[in-house]
Amino acid sequence: MLDLPTRPQRRRPSLTPMIDVVFLLLVFFMLAARFGAPLAQPLHLAGSGGEAWQGPPRLITLRPDQTLLNGQPVTDLPAALAPLMKDPTDTIILRSRDGADVQRLVDTLTALRAAGMTNLAVVE
């Protein structure tokens, strides 16, 4: 009888390590998505049909190189806004112009909230 060489049996790779990696990635992205939630800034959208405008104008214009309050350049925004406000809940309107980036808007919103001004509206 002839002795034929036997073919080595092919082993199938185990899928268990790959499944473990997929589950670890799933858990990682679920946890990473939860960390961004507290950083959200609540905003009021101007023009939503609220009450009529009351008090002096409080329009902040953000440009890439400067901040304007009612058309005048300012350096300390909360101090410049103080004489125009009766109450910290008075409405302040913000708008970006001439290519100001979103980070500048977020930094301004954060600074105003830190100064106790809570009623902020962003317009286009």
PDB file of N, CA and C in Angstrom:
ATOM      1  N   MET A   1       0.803  -1.165   0.000  1.00  0.00           N
ATOM      2  CA  MET A   1       0.000   0.000   0.000  1.00  0.00           C
ATOM      3  C   MET A   1       0.863   1.251   0.000  1.00  0.00           C
ATOM      4  N   LEU A   2       0.424   2.163  -0.779  1.00  0.00           N
ATOM      5  CA  LEU A   2       1.173   3.387  -0.909  1.00  0.00           C
ATOM      6  C   LEU A   2       0.824   4.339   0.231  1.00  0.00           C
ATOM      7  N   ASP A   3       1.833   4.916   0.755  1.00  0.00           N
ATOM      8  CA  ASP A   3       1.629   5.866   1.847  1.00  0.00           C
ATOM      9  C   ASP A   3       1.635   7.281   1.278  1.00  0.00           C
ATOM     10  N   LEU A   4       0.464   7.858   1.135  1.00  0.00           N
ATOM     11  CA  LEU A   4       0.360   9.215   0.614  1.00  0.00           C
ATOM     12  C   LEU A   4       0.541  10.217   1.748  1.00  0.00           C
ATOM     13  N   PRO A   5       1.225  11.292   1.420  1.00  0.00           N
ATOM     14  CA  PRO A   5       1.377  12.303   2.478  1.00  0.00           C
ATOM     15  C   PRO A   5       0.022  12.910   2.838  1.00  0.00           C
ATOM     16  N   THR A   6      -0.191  13.087   4.068  1.00  0.00           N
ATOM     17  CA  THR A   6      -1.460  13.658   4.522  1.00  0.00           C
ATOM     18  C   THR A   6      -1.367  15.178   4.527  1.00  0.00           C
ATOM     19  N   ARG A   7      -2.469  15.762   4.164  1.00  0.00           N
ATOM     20  CA  ARG A   7      -2.511  17.221   4.168  1.00  0.00           C
ATOM     21  C   ARG A   7      -2.695  17.709   5.596  1.00  0.00           C
ATOM     22  N   PRO A   8      -1.919  18.701   5.946  1.00  0.00           N
ATOM     23  CA  PRO A   8      -2.119  19.215   7.317  1.00  0.00           C
ATOM     24  C   PRO A   8      -3.495  19.886   7.405  1.00  0.00           C
ATOM     25  N   GLN A   9      -4.137  19.664   8.497  1.00  0.00           N
ATOM     26  CA  GLN A   9      -5.461  20.268   8.686  1.00  0.00           C
ATOM     27  C   GLN A   9      -5.307  21.760   9.006  1.00  0.00           C
ATOM     28  N   ARG A  10      -6.143  22.522   8.358  1.00  0.00           N
ATOM     29  CA  ARG A  10      -6.106  23.969   8.587  1.00  0.00           C
ATOM     30  C   ARG A  10      -6.923  24.304   9.825  1.00  0.00           C
ATOM     31  N   ARG A  11      -6.318  25.060  10.704  1.00  0.00           N
ATOM     32  CA  ARG A  11      -7.030  25.503  11.900  1.00  0.00           C
ATOM     33  C   ARG A  11      -7.712  26.814  11.608  1.00  0.00           C
ATOM     34  N   ARG A  12      -8.929  26.899  12.009  1.00  0.00           N
ATOM     35  CA  ARG A  12      -9.648  28.170  11.871  1.00  0.00           C
ATOM     36  C   ARG A  12      -9.222  29.098  13.000  1.00  0.00           C
ATOM     37  N   PRO A  13      -8.973  30.365  12.669  1.00  0.00           N
ATOM     38  CA  PRO A  13      -8.605  31.286  13.758  1.00  0.00           C
ATOM     39  C   PRO A  13      -9.799  31.516  14.683  1.00  0.00           C
ATOM     40  N   SER A  14      -9.484  31.717  15.928  1.00  0.00           N
ATOM     41  CA  SER A  14     -10.527  31.955  16.917  1.00  0.00           C
ATOM     42  C   SER A  14     -11.049  33.385  16.779  1.00  0.00           C
ATOM     43  N   LEU A  15     -12.365  33.548  16.830  1.00  0.00           N
ATOM     44  CA  LEU A  15     -12.970  34.872  16.733  1.00  0.00           C
ATOM     45  C   LEU A  15     -13.125  35.551  18.093  1.00  0.00           C
ATOM     46  N   THR A  16     -12.827  34.850  19.146  1.00  0.00           N
ATOM     47  CA  THR A  16     -13.016  35.399  20.490  1.00  0.00           C
ATOM     48  C   THR A  16     -12.203  36.673  20.723  1.00  0.00           C
ATOM     49  N   PRO A  17     -10.914  36.743  20.378  1.00  0.00           N
ATOM     50  CA  PRO A  17     -10.191  38.005  20.608  1.00  0.00           C
ATOM     51  C   PRO A  17     -10.769  39.177  19.809  1.00  0.00           C
ATOM     52  N   MET A  18     -11.223  38.925  18.597  1.00  0.00           N
ATOM     53  CA  MET A  18     -11.791  39.998  17.794  1.00  0.00           C
ATOM     54  C   MET A  18     -13.100  40.503  18.419  1.00  0.00           C
ATOM     55  N   ILE A  19     -13.909  39.614  18.923  1.00  0.00           N
ATOM     56  CA  ILE A  19     -15.162  40.010  19.571  1.00  0.00           C
ATOM     57  C   ILE A  19     -14.860  40.813  20.828  1.00  0.00           C
ATOM     58  N   ASP A  20     -13.836  40.421  21.570  1.00  0.00           N
ATOM     59  CA  ASP A  20     -13.440  41.181  22.759  1.00  0.00           C
ATOM     60  C   ASP A  20     -13.027  42.604  22.396  1.00  0.00           C
ATOM     61  N   VAL A  21     -12.271  42.737  21.324  1.00  0.00           N
ATOM     62  CA  VAL A  21     -11.830  44.063  20.895  1.00  0.00           C
ATOM     63  C   VAL A  21     -13.024  44.915  20.482  1.00  0.00           C
ATOM     64  N   VAL A  22     -13.966  44.341  19.775  1.00  0.00           N
ATOM     65  CA  VAL A  22     -15.151  45.086  19.343  1.00  0.00           C
ATOM     66  C   VAL A  22     -15.947  45.570  20.551  1.00  0.00           C
ATOM     67  N   PHE A  23     -16.122  44.725  21.541  1.00  0.00           N
ATOM     68  CA  PHE A  23     -16.858  45.139  22.739  1.00  0.00           C
ATOM     69  C   PHE A  23     -16.103  46.215  23.518  1.00  0.00           C
ATOM     70  N   LEU A  24     -14.779  46.107  23.596  1.00  0.00           N
ATOM     71  CA  LEU A  24     -14.004  47.144  24.277  1.00  0.00           C
ATOM     72  C   LEU A  24     -14.127  48.489  23.554  1.00  0.00           C
ATOM     73  N   LEU A  25     -14.097  48.472  22.233  1.00  0.00           N
ATOM     74  CA  LEU A  25     -14.279  49.708  21.472  1.00  0.00           C
ATOM     75  C   LEU A  25     -15.678  50.289  21.689  1.00  0.00           C
ATOM     76  N   LEU A  26     -16.660  49.425  21.730  1.00  0.00           N
ATOM     77  CA  LEU A  26     -18.030  49.874  21.968  1.00  0.00           C
ATOM     78  C   LEU A  26     -18.152  50.566  23.325  1.00  0.00           C
ATOM     79  N   VAL A  27     -17.591  49.968  24.354  1.00  0.00           N
ATOM     80  CA  VAL A  27     -17.642  50.559  25.696  1.00  0.00           C
ATOM     81  C   VAL A  27     -16.880  51.883  25.716  1.00  0.00           C
ATOM     82  N   PHE A  28     -15.716  51.918  25.073  1.00  0.00           N
ATOM     83  CA  PHE A  28     -14.926  53.152  25.034  1.00  0.00           C
ATOM     84  C   PHE A  28     -15.710  54.296  24.409  1.00  0.00           C
ATOM     85  N   PHE A  29     -16.316  54.068  23.249  1.00  0.00           N
ATOM     86  CA  PHE A  29     -17.027  55.150  22.577  1.00  0.00           C
ATOM     87  C   PHE A  29     -18.308  55.543  23.321  1.00  0.00           C
ATOM     88  N   MET A  30     -18.940  54.598  23.996  1.00  0.00           N
ATOM     89  CA  MET A  30     -20.122  54.952  24.791  1.00  0.00           C
ATOM     90  C   MET A  30     -19.725  55.867  25.948  1.00  0.00           C
ATOM     91  N   LEU A  31     -18.614  55.561  26.609  1.00  0.00           N
ATOM     92  CA  LEU A  31     -18.156  56.403  27.718  1.00  0.00           C
ATOM     93  C   LEU A  31     -17.649  57.749  27.222  1.00  0.00           C
ATOM     94  N   ALA A  32     -16.938  57.765  26.111  1.00  0.00           N
ATOM     95  CA  ALA A  32     -16.407  59.023  25.580  1.00  0.00           C
ATOM     96  C   ALA A  32     -17.540  59.951  25.143  1.00  0.00           C
ATOM     97  N   ALA A  33     -18.621  59.423  24.654  1.00  0.00           N
ATOM     98  CA  ALA A  33     -19.746  60.254  24.229  1.00  0.00           C
ATOM     99  C   ALA A  33     -20.427  60.905  25.431  1.00  0.00           C
ATOM    100  N   ARG A  34     -20.403  60.304  26.574  1.00  0.00           N
ATOM    101  CA  ARG A  34     -21.042  60.860  27.765  1.00  0.00           C
ATOM    102  C   ARG A  34     -20.251  62.013  28.356  1.00  0.00           C
ATOM    103  N   PHE A  35     -18.936  62.074  28.121  1.00  0.00           N
ATOM    104  CA  PHE A  35     -18.127  63.127  28.729  1.00  0.00           C
ATOM    105  C   PHE A  35     -18.390  64.486  28.107  1.00  0.00           C
ATOM    106  N   GLY A  36     -18.871  64.566  26.885  1.00  0.00           N
ATOM    107  CA  GLY A  36     -19.115  65.833  26.228  1.00  0.00           C
ATOM    108  C   GLY A  36     -20.432  66.488  26.608  1.00  0.00           C
ATOM    109  N   ALA A  37     -21.341  65.776  27.241  1.00  0.00           N
ATOM    110  CA  ALA A  37     -22.673  66.313  27.533  1.00  0.00           C
ATOM    111  C   ALA A  37     -22.667  67.517  28.477  1.00  0.00           C
ATOM    112  N   PRO A  38     -21.898  67.548  29.579  1.00  0.00           N
ATOM    113  CA  PRO A  38     -21.964  68.702  30.481  1.00  0.00           C
ATOM    114  C   PRO A  38     -21.380  69.983  29.888  1.00  0.00           C
ATOM    115  N   LEU A  39     -20.653  69.885  28.773  1.00  0.00           N
ATOM    116  CA  LEU A  39     -20.036  71.060  28.188  1.00  0.00           C
ATOM    117  C   LEU A  39     -20.990  71.841  27.298  1.00  0.00           C
ATOM    118  N   ALA A  40     -22.207  71.404  27.152  1.00  0.00           N
ATOM    119  CA  ALA A  40     -23.168  72.076  26.276  1.00  0.00           C
ATOM    120  C   ALA A  40     -23.556  73.425  26.867  1.00  0.00           C
ATOM    121  N   GLN A  41     -23.702  74.427  26.001  1.00  0.00           N
ATOM    122  CA  GLN A  41     -24.110  75.765  26.420  1.00  0.00           C
ATOM    123  C   GLN A  41     -25.585  75.956  26.093  1.00  0.00           C
ATOM    124  N   PRO A  42     -26.456  76.176  27.077  1.00  0.00           N
ATOM    125  CA  PRO A  42     -27.858  76.450  26.761  1.00  0.00           C
ATOM    126  C   PRO A  42     -27.991  77.836  26.137  1.00  0.00           C
ATOM    127  N   LEU A  43     -28.768  77.929  25.072  1.00  0.00           N
ATOM    128  CA  LEU A  43     -28.936  79.187  24.353  1.00  0.00           C
ATOM    129  C   LEU A  43     -30.407  79.472  24.123  1.00  0.00           C
ATOM    130  N   HIS A  44     -30.732  80.731  24.047  1.00  0.00           N
ATOM    131  CA  HIS A  44     -32.053  81.168  23.606  1.00  0.00           C
ATOM    132  C   HIS A  44     -31.884  81.673  22.191  1.00  0.00           C
ATOM    133  N   LEU A  45     -32.743  81.279  21.315  1.00  0.00           N
ATOM    134  CA  LEU A  45     -32.677  81.754  19.942  1.00  0.00           C
ATOM    135  C   LEU A  45     -33.505  83.014  19.816  1.00  0.00           C
ATOM    136  N   ALA A  46     -32.880  84.065  19.340  1.00  0.00           N
ATOM    137  CA  ALA A  46     -33.587  85.334  19.192  1.00  0.00           C
ATOM    138  C   ALA A  46     -34.613  85.212  18.077  1.00  0.00           C
ATOM    139  N   GLY A  47     -35.679  85.947  18.201  1.00  0.00           N
ATOM    140  CA  GLY A  47     -36.723  85.923  17.188  1.00  0.00           C
ATOM    141  C   GLY A  47     -37.711  84.792  17.387  1.00  0.00           C
ATOM    142  N   SER A  48     -37.778  84.247  18.586  1.00  0.00           N
ATOM    143  CA  SER A  48     -38.689  83.136  18.831  1.00  0.00           C
ATOM    144  C   SER A  48     -40.067  83.614  19.283  1.00  0.00           C
ATOM    145  N   GLY A  49     -40.355  84.898  19.130  1.00  0.00           N
ATOM    146  CA  GLY A  49     -41.690  85.407  19.439  1.00  0.00           C
ATOM    147  C   GLY A  49     -41.913  85.669  20.905  1.00  0.00           C
ATOM    148  N   GLY A  50     -40.858  86.003  21.641  1.00  0.00           N
ATOM    149  CA  GLY A  50     -40.994  86.300  23.063  1.00  0.00           C
ATOM    150  C   GLY A  50     -41.545  87.697  23.278  1.00  0.00           C
ATOM    151  N   GLU A  51     -41.259  88.261  24.449  1.00  0.00           N
ATOM    152  CA  GLU A  51     -41.768  89.581  24.769  1.00  0.00           C
ATOM    153  C   GLU A  51     -41.032  90.659  23.984  1.00  0.00           C
ATOM    154  N   ALA A  52     -41.584  91.869  23.980  1.00  0.00           N
ATOM    155  CA  ALA A  52     -40.979  92.995  23.274  1.00  0.00           C
ATOM    156  C   ALA A  52     -39.682  93.406  23.968  1.00  0.00           C
ATOM    157  N   TRP A  53     -38.790  94.020  23.202  1.00  0.00           N
ATOM    158  CA  TRP A  53     -37.492  94.434  23.744  1.00  0.00           C
ATOM    159  C   TRP A  53     -37.675  95.525  24.789  1.00  0.00           C
ATOM    160  N   GLN A  54     -36.997  95.363  25.924  1.00  0.00           N
ATOM    161  CA  GLN A  54     -37.070  96.313  27.019  1.00  0.00           C
ATOM    162  C   GLN A  54     -35.655  96.766  27.371  1.00  0.00           C
ATOM    163  N   GLY A  55     -35.461  98.030  27.623  1.00  0.00           N
ATOM    164  CA  GLY A  55     -34.188  98.527  28.124  1.00  0.00           C
ATOM    165  C   GLY A  55     -33.217  98.936  27.037  1.00  0.00           C
ATOM    166  N   PRO A  56     -31.994  99.303  27.446  1.00  0.00           N
ATOM    167  CA  PRO A  56     -30.992  99.776  26.493  1.00  0.00           C
ATOM    168  C   PRO A  56     -30.482  98.621  25.623  1.00  0.00           C
ATOM    169  N   PRO A  57     -29.919  98.962  24.464  1.00  0.00           N
ATOM    170  CA  PRO A  57     -29.410  97.897  23.599  1.00  0.00           C
ATOM    171  C   PRO A  57     -28.180  97.225  24.212  1.00  0.00           C
ATOM    172  N   ARG A  58     -28.125  95.915  24.047  1.00  0.00           N
ATOM    173  CA  ARG A  58     -26.993  95.127  24.526  1.00  0.00           C
ATOM    174  C   ARG A  58     -26.618  94.152  23.407  1.00  0.00           C
ATOM    175  N   LEU A  59     -25.986  94.673  22.365  1.00  0.00           N
ATOM    176  CA  LEU A  59     -25.609  93.872  21.215  1.00  0.00           C
ATOM    177  C   LEU A  59     -24.096  93.703  21.195  1.00  0.00           C
ATOM    178  N   ILE A  60     -23.658  92.464  21.289  1.00  0.00           N
ATOM    179  CA  ILE A  60     -22.228  92.150  21.257  1.00  0.00           C
ATOM    180  C   ILE A  60     -21.910  91.599  19.879  1.00  0.00           C
ATOM    181  N   THR A  61     -20.968  92.228  19.200  1.00  0.00           N
ATOM    182  CA  THR A  61     -20.523  91.765  17.894  1.00  0.00           C
ATOM    183  C   THR A  61     -19.114  91.217  18.041  1.00  0.00           C
ATOM    184  N   LEU A  62     -18.942  89.967  17.647  1.00  0.00           N
ATOM    185  CA  LEU A  62     -17.630  89.316  17.745  1.00  0.00           C
ATOM    186  C   LEU A  62     -16.971  89.304  16.375  1.00  0.00           C
ATOM    187  N   ARG A  63     -15.782  89.862  16.302  1.00  0.00           N
ATOM    188  CA  ARG A  63     -14.970  89.823  15.090  1.00  0.00           C
ATOM    189  C   ARG A  63     -13.698  89.061  15.420  1.00  0.00           C
ATOM    190  N   PRO A  64     -12.954  88.621  14.418  1.00  0.00           N
ATOM    191  CA  PRO A  64     -11.742  87.837  14.709  1.00  0.00           C
ATOM    192  C   PRO A  64     -10.734  88.576  15.589  1.00  0.00           C
ATOM    193  N   ASP A  65     -10.672  89.904  15.483  1.00  0.00           N
ATOM    194  CA  ASP A  65      -9.637  90.639  16.205  1.00  0.00           C
ATOM    195  C   ASP A  65     -10.162  91.536  17.332  1.00  0.00           C
ATOM    196  N   GLN A  66     -11.476  91.685  17.454  1.00  0.00           N
ATOM    197  CA  GLN A  66     -12.000  92.559  18.507  1.00  0.00           C
ATOM    198  C   GLN A  66     -13.435  92.195  18.873  1.00  0.00           C
ATOM    199  N   THR A  67     -13.855  92.730  20.019  1.00  0.00           N
ATOM    200  CA  THR A  67     -15.228  92.570  20.496  1.00  0.00           C
ATOM    201  C   THR A  67     -15.860  93.951  20.567  1.00  0.00           C
ATOM    202  N   LEU A  68     -17.069  94.061  20.015  1.00  0.00           N
ATOM    203  CA  LEU A  68     -17.779  95.343  20.008  1.00  0.00           C
ATOM    204  C   LEU A  68     -19.046  95.227  20.850  1.00  0.00           C
ATOM    205  N   LEU A  69     -19.312  96.252  21.652  1.00  0.00           N
ATOM    206  CA  LEU A  69     -20.562  96.351  22.403  1.00  0.00           C
ATOM    207  C   LEU A  69     -21.303  97.557  21.854  1.00  0.00           C
ATOM    208  N   ASN A  70     -22.436  97.322  21.209  1.00  0.00           N
ATOM    209  CA  ASN A  70     -23.227  98.366  20.566  1.00  0.00           C
ATOM    210  C   ASN A  70     -22.373  99.187  19.592  1.00  0.00           C
ATOM    211  N   GLY A  71     -21.457  98.520  18.891  1.00  0.00           N
ATOM    212  CA  GLY A  71     -20.628  99.169  17.890  1.00  0.00           C
ATOM    213  C   GLY A  71     -19.340  99.785  18.402  1.00  0.00           C
ATOM    214  N   GLN A  72     -19.104  99.766  19.714  1.00  0.00           N
ATOM    215  CA  GLN A  72     -17.905 100.359  20.299  1.00  0.00           C
ATOM    216  C   GLN A  72     -16.965  99.251  20.789  1.00  0.00           C
ATOM    217  N   PRO A  73     -15.665  99.344  20.497  1.00  0.00           N
ATOM    218  CA  PRO A  73     -14.715  98.314  20.966  1.00  0.00           C
ATOM    219  C   PRO A  73     -14.628  98.285  22.495  1.00  0.00           C
ATOM    220  N   VAL A  74     -14.581  97.087  23.044  1.00  0.00           N
ATOM    221  CA  VAL A  74     -14.437  96.903  24.492  1.00  0.00           C
ATOM    222  C   VAL A  74     -13.384  95.839  24.762  1.00  0.00           C
ATOM    223  N   THR A  75     -12.755  95.931  25.940  1.00  0.00           N
ATOM    224  CA  THR A  75     -11.802  94.898  26.347  1.00  0.00           C
ATOM    225  C   THR A  75     -12.362  94.056  27.489  1.00  0.00           C
ATOM    226  N   ASP A  76     -13.016  94.704  28.463  1.00  0.00           N
ATOM    227  CA  ASP A  76     -13.625  93.985  29.580  1.00  0.00           C
ATOM    228  C   ASP A  76     -15.140  93.999  29.380  1.00  0.00           C
ATOM    229  N   LEU A  77     -15.640  92.942  28.761  1.00  0.00           N
ATOM    230  CA  LEU A  77     -17.049  92.907  28.365  1.00  0.00           C
ATOM    231  C   LEU A  77     -18.017  92.929  29.552  1.00  0.00           C
ATOM    232  N   PRO A  78     -17.846  92.095  30.593  1.00  0.00           N
ATOM    233  CA  PRO A  78     -18.801  92.155  31.708  1.00  0.00           C
ATOM    234  C   PRO A  78     -18.855  93.528  32.386  1.00  0.00           C
ATOM    235  N   ALA A  79     -17.708  94.200  32.515  1.00  0.00           N
ATOM    236  CA  ALA A  79     -17.695  95.530  33.139  1.00  0.00           C
ATOM    237  C   ALA A  79     -18.389  96.555  32.245  1.00  0.00           C
ATOM    238  N   ALA A  80     -18.234  96.427  30.928  1.00  0.00           N
ATOM    239  CA  ALA A  80     -18.887  97.360  30.014  1.00  0.00           C
ATOM    240  C   ALA A  80     -20.392  97.129  29.956  1.00  0.00           C
ATOM    241  N   LEU A  81     -20.827  95.895  30.180  1.00  0.00           N
ATOM    242  CA  LEU A  81     -22.257  95.579  30.156  1.00  0.00           C
ATOM    243  C   LEU A  81     -22.982  95.990  31.435  1.00  0.00           C
ATOM    244  N   ALA A  82     -22.262  96.060  32.543  1.00  0.00           N
ATOM    245  CA  ALA A  82     -22.896  96.317  33.845  1.00  0.00           C
ATOM    246  C   ALA A  82     -23.775  97.561  33.867  1.00  0.00           C
ATOM    247  N   PRO A  83     -23.355  98.715  33.327  1.00  0.00           N
ATOM    248  CA  PRO A  83     -24.239  99.893  33.388  1.00  0.00           C
ATOM    249  C   PRO A  83     -25.488  99.764  32.512  1.00  0.00           C
ATOM    250  N   LEU A  84     -25.483  98.850  31.556  1.00  0.00           N
ATOM    251  CA  LEU A  84     -26.624  98.688  30.653  1.00  0.00           C
ATOM    252  C   LEU A  84     -27.665  97.707  31.174  1.00  0.00           C
ATOM    253  N   MET A  85     -27.384  97.070  32.303  1.00  0.00           N
ATOM    254  CA  MET A  85     -28.264  96.010  32.792  1.00  0.00           C
ATOM    255  C   MET A  85     -28.876  96.376  34.135  1.00  0.00           C
ATOM    256  N   LYS A  86     -30.193  96.144  34.244  1.00  0.00           N
ATOM    257  CA  LYS A  86     -30.886  96.315  35.521  1.00  0.00           C
ATOM    258  C   LYS A  86     -30.796  95.037  36.338  1.00  0.00           C
ATOM    259  N   ASP A  87     -30.821  93.918  35.639  1.00  0.00           N
ATOM    260  CA  ASP A  87     -30.899  92.607  36.268  1.00  0.00           C
ATOM    261  C   ASP A  87     -29.990  91.643  35.490  1.00  0.00           C
ATOM    262  N   PRO A  88     -29.338  90.670  36.137  1.00  0.00           N
ATOM    263  CA  PRO A  88     -28.498  89.717  35.401  1.00  0.00           C
ATOM    264  C   PRO A  88     -29.279  88.872  34.390  1.00  0.00           C
ATOM    265  N   THR A  89     -30.612  88.865  34.500  1.00  0.00           N
ATOM    266  CA  THR A  89     -31.404  88.082  33.547  1.00  0.00           C
ATOM    267  C   THR A  89     -31.841  88.901  32.334  1.00  0.00           C
ATOM    268  N   ASP A  90     -31.359  90.141  32.200  1.00  0.00           N
ATOM    269  CA  ASP A  90     -31.663  90.928  31.001  1.00  0.00           C
ATOM    270  C   ASP A  90     -31.048  90.242  29.782  1.00  0.00           C
ATOM    271  N   THR A  91     -31.701  90.388  28.643  1.00  0.00           N
ATOM    272  CA  THR A  91     -31.259  89.723  27.421  1.00  0.00           C
ATOM    273  C   THR A  91     -30.027  90.405  26.841  1.00  0.00           C
ATOM    274  N   ILE A  92     -29.063  89.583  26.458  1.00  0.00           N
ATOM    275  CA  ILE A  92     -27.854  90.040  25.768  1.00  0.00           C
ATOM    276  C   ILE A  92     -27.812  89.311  24.433  1.00  0.00           C
ATOM    277  N   ILE A  93     -27.632  90.050  23.351  1.00  0.00           N
ATOM    278  CA  ILE A  93     -27.624  89.457  22.012  1.00  0.00           C
ATOM    279  C   ILE A  93     -26.190  89.405  21.502  1.00  0.00           C
ATOM    280  N   LEU A  94     -25.795  88.242  21.016  1.00  0.00           N
ATOM    281  CA  LEU A  94     -24.458  88.049  20.464  1.00  0.00           C
ATOM    282  C   LEU A  94     -24.558  87.688  18.996  1.00  0.00           C
ATOM    283  N   ARG A  95     -23.598  88.181  18.213  1.00  0.00           N
ATOM    284  CA  ARG A  95     -23.523  87.786  16.807  1.00  0.00           C
ATOM    285  C   ARG A  95     -22.059  87.765  16.378  1.00  0.00           C
ATOM    286  N   SER A  96     -21.736  86.850  15.488  1.00  0.00           N
ATOM    287  CA  SER A  96     -20.387  86.739  14.935  1.00  0.00           C
ATOM    288  C   SER A  96     -20.372  87.385  13.568  1.00  0.00           C
ATOM    289  N   ARG A  97     -19.292  88.074  13.271  1.00  0.00           N
ATOM    290  CA  ARG A  97     -19.148  88.752  11.985  1.00  0.00           C
ATOM    291  C   ARG A  97     -17.735  88.575  11.452  1.00  0.00           C
ATOM    292  N   ASP A  98     -17.612  88.750  10.149  1.00  0.00           N
ATOM    293  CA  ASP A  98     -16.321  88.804   9.456  1.00  0.00           C
ATOM    294  C   ASP A  98     -15.434  87.599   9.737  1.00  0.00           C
ATOM    295  N   GLY A  99     -16.015  86.430   9.824  1.00  0.00           N
ATOM    296  CA  GLY A  99     -15.234  85.204   9.970  1.00  0.00           C
ATOM    297  C   GLY A  99     -14.761  84.884  11.373  1.00  0.00           C
ATOM    298  N   ALA A 100     -15.401  85.410  12.387  1.00  0.00           N
ATOM    299  CA  ALA A 100     -15.036  85.047  13.762  1.00  0.00           C
ATOM    300  C   ALA A 100     -15.346  83.566  13.968  1.00  0.00           C
ATOM    301  N   ASP A 101     -14.452  82.856  14.617  1.00  0.00           N
ATOM    302  CA  ASP A 101     -14.645  81.414  14.765  1.00  0.00           C
ATOM    303  C   ASP A 101     -15.581  81.082  15.930  1.00  0.00           C
ATOM    304  N   VAL A 102     -16.038  79.864  15.929  1.00  0.00           N
ATOM    305  CA  VAL A 102     -17.008  79.405  16.932  1.00  0.00           C
ATOM    306  C   VAL A 102     -16.384  79.388  18.324  1.00  0.00           C
ATOM    307  N   GLN A 103     -15.087  79.091  18.413  1.00  0.00           N
ATOM    308  CA  GLN A 103     -14.432  79.059  19.719  1.00  0.00           C
ATOM    309  C   GLN A 103     -14.478  80.425  20.391  1.00  0.00           C
ATOM    310  N   ARG A 104     -14.350  81.477  19.620  1.00  0.00           N
ATOM    311  CA  ARG A 104     -14.450  82.839  20.171  1.00  0.00           C
ATOM    312  C   ARG A 104     -15.844  83.084  20.745  1.00  0.00           C
ATOM    313  N   LEU A 105     -16.866  82.614  20.046  1.00  0.00           N
ATOM    314  CA  LEU A 105     -18.236  82.746  20.534  1.00  0.00           C
ATOM    315  C   LEU A 105     -18.438  81.961  21.825  1.00  0.00           C
ATOM    316  N   VAL A 106     -17.937  80.739  21.868  1.00  0.00           N
ATOM    317  CA  VAL A 106     -18.088  79.900  23.064  1.00  0.00           C
ATOM    318  C   VAL A 106     -17.327  80.507  24.239  1.00  0.00           C
ATOM    319  N   ASP A 107     -16.131  81.041  23.997  1.00  0.00           N
ATOM    320  CA  ASP A 107     -15.372  81.685  25.079  1.00  0.00           C
ATOM    321  C   ASP A 107     -16.112  82.900  25.633  1.00  0.00           C
ATOM    322  N   THR A 108     -16.731  83.678  24.755  1.00  0.00           N
ATOM    323  CA  THR A 108     -17.495  84.845  25.197  1.00  0.00           C
ATOM    324  C   THR A 108     -18.716  84.420  25.999  1.00  0.00           C
ATOM    325  N   LEU A 109     -19.424  83.393  25.522  1.00  0.00           N
ATOM    326  CA  LEU A 109     -20.588  82.882  26.271  1.00  0.00           C
ATOM    327  C   LEU A 109     -20.171  82.396  27.654  1.00  0.00           C
ATOM    328  N   THR A 110     -19.052  81.690  27.727  1.00  0.00           N
ATOM    329  CA  THR A 110     -18.569  81.168  29.011  1.00  0.00           C
ATOM    330  C   THR A 110     -18.204  82.309  29.955  1.00  0.00           C
ATOM    331  N   ALA A 111     -17.548  83.343  29.434  1.00  0.00           N
ATOM    332  CA  ALA A 111     -17.166  84.485  30.280  1.00  0.00           C
ATOM    333  C   ALA A 111     -18.396  85.227  30.800  1.00  0.00           C
ATOM    334  N   LEU A 112     -19.410  85.392  29.951  1.00  0.00           N
ATOM    335  CA  LEU A 112     -20.625  86.085  30.396  1.00  0.00           C
ATOM    336  C   LEU A 112     -21.383  85.266  31.429  1.00  0.00           C
ATOM    337  N   ARG A 113     -21.441  83.962  31.236  1.00  0.00           N
ATOM    338  CA  ARG A 113     -22.109  83.103  32.229  1.00  0.00           C
ATOM    339  C   ARG A 113     -21.356  83.117  33.561  1.00  0.00           C
ATOM    340  N   ALA A 114     -20.029  83.152  33.504  1.00  0.00           N
ATOM    341  CA  ALA A 114     -19.229  83.207  34.722  1.00  0.00           C
ATOM    342  C   ALA A 114     -19.463  84.528  35.461  1.00  0.00           C
ATOM    343  N   ALA A 115     -19.791  85.593  34.721  1.00  0.00           N
ATOM    344  CA  ALA A 115     -20.079  86.889  35.345  1.00  0.00           C
ATOM    345  C   ALA A 115     -21.521  86.969  35.853  1.00  0.00           C
ATOM    346  N   GLY A 116     -22.301  85.904  35.678  1.00  0.00           N
ATOM    347  CA  GLY A 116     -23.663  85.871  36.201  1.00  0.00           C
ATOM    348  C   GLY A 116     -24.741  86.271  35.225  1.00  0.00           C
ATOM    349  N   MET A 117     -24.386  86.505  33.983  1.00  0.00           N
ATOM    350  CA  MET A 117     -25.372  86.895  32.965  1.00  0.00           C
ATOM    351  C   MET A 117     -25.893  85.623  32.305  1.00  0.00           C
ATOM    352  N   THR A 118     -27.193  85.387  32.425  1.00  0.00           N
ATOM    353  CA  THR A 118     -27.742  84.085  32.040  1.00  0.00           C
ATOM    354  C   THR A 118     -28.628  84.098  30.800  1.00  0.00           C
ATOM    355  N   ASN A 119     -29.174  85.238  30.437  1.00  0.00           N
ATOM    356  CA  ASN A 119     -30.118  85.281  29.325  1.00  0.00           C
ATOM    357  C   ASN A 119     -29.380  85.739  28.051  1.00  0.00           C
ATOM    358  N   LEU A 120     -28.744  84.789  27.361  1.00  0.00           N
ATOM    359  CA  LEU A 120     -27.909  85.081  26.203  1.00  0.00           C
ATOM    360  C   LEU A 120     -28.593  84.555  24.956  1.00  0.00           C
ATOM    361  N   ALA A 121     -28.630  85.374  23.908  1.00  0.00           N
ATOM    362  CA  ALA A 121     -29.229  84.973  22.637  1.00  0.00           C
ATOM    363  C   ALA A 121     -28.214  85.138  21.529  1.00  0.00           C
ATOM    364  N   VAL A 122     -28.133  84.152  20.651  1.00  0.00           N
ATOM    365  CA  VAL A 122     -27.208  84.203  19.523  1.00  0.00           C
ATOM    366  C   VAL A 122     -28.023  84.401  18.257  1.00  0.00           C
ATOM    367  N   VAL A 123     -27.631  85.410  17.466  1.00  0.00           N
ATOM    368  CA  VAL A 123     -28.318  85.676  16.207  1.00  0.00           C
ATOM    369  C   VAL A 123     -27.321  85.513  15.076  1.00  0.00           C
ATOM    370  N   GLU A 124     -27.867  85.373  13.885  1.00  0.00           N
ATOM    371  CA  GLU A 124     -27.026  85.171  12.719  1.00  0.00           C
ATOM    372  C   GLU A 124     -26.580  86.482  12.136  1.00  0.00           C
TER     373      GLU A 124
END
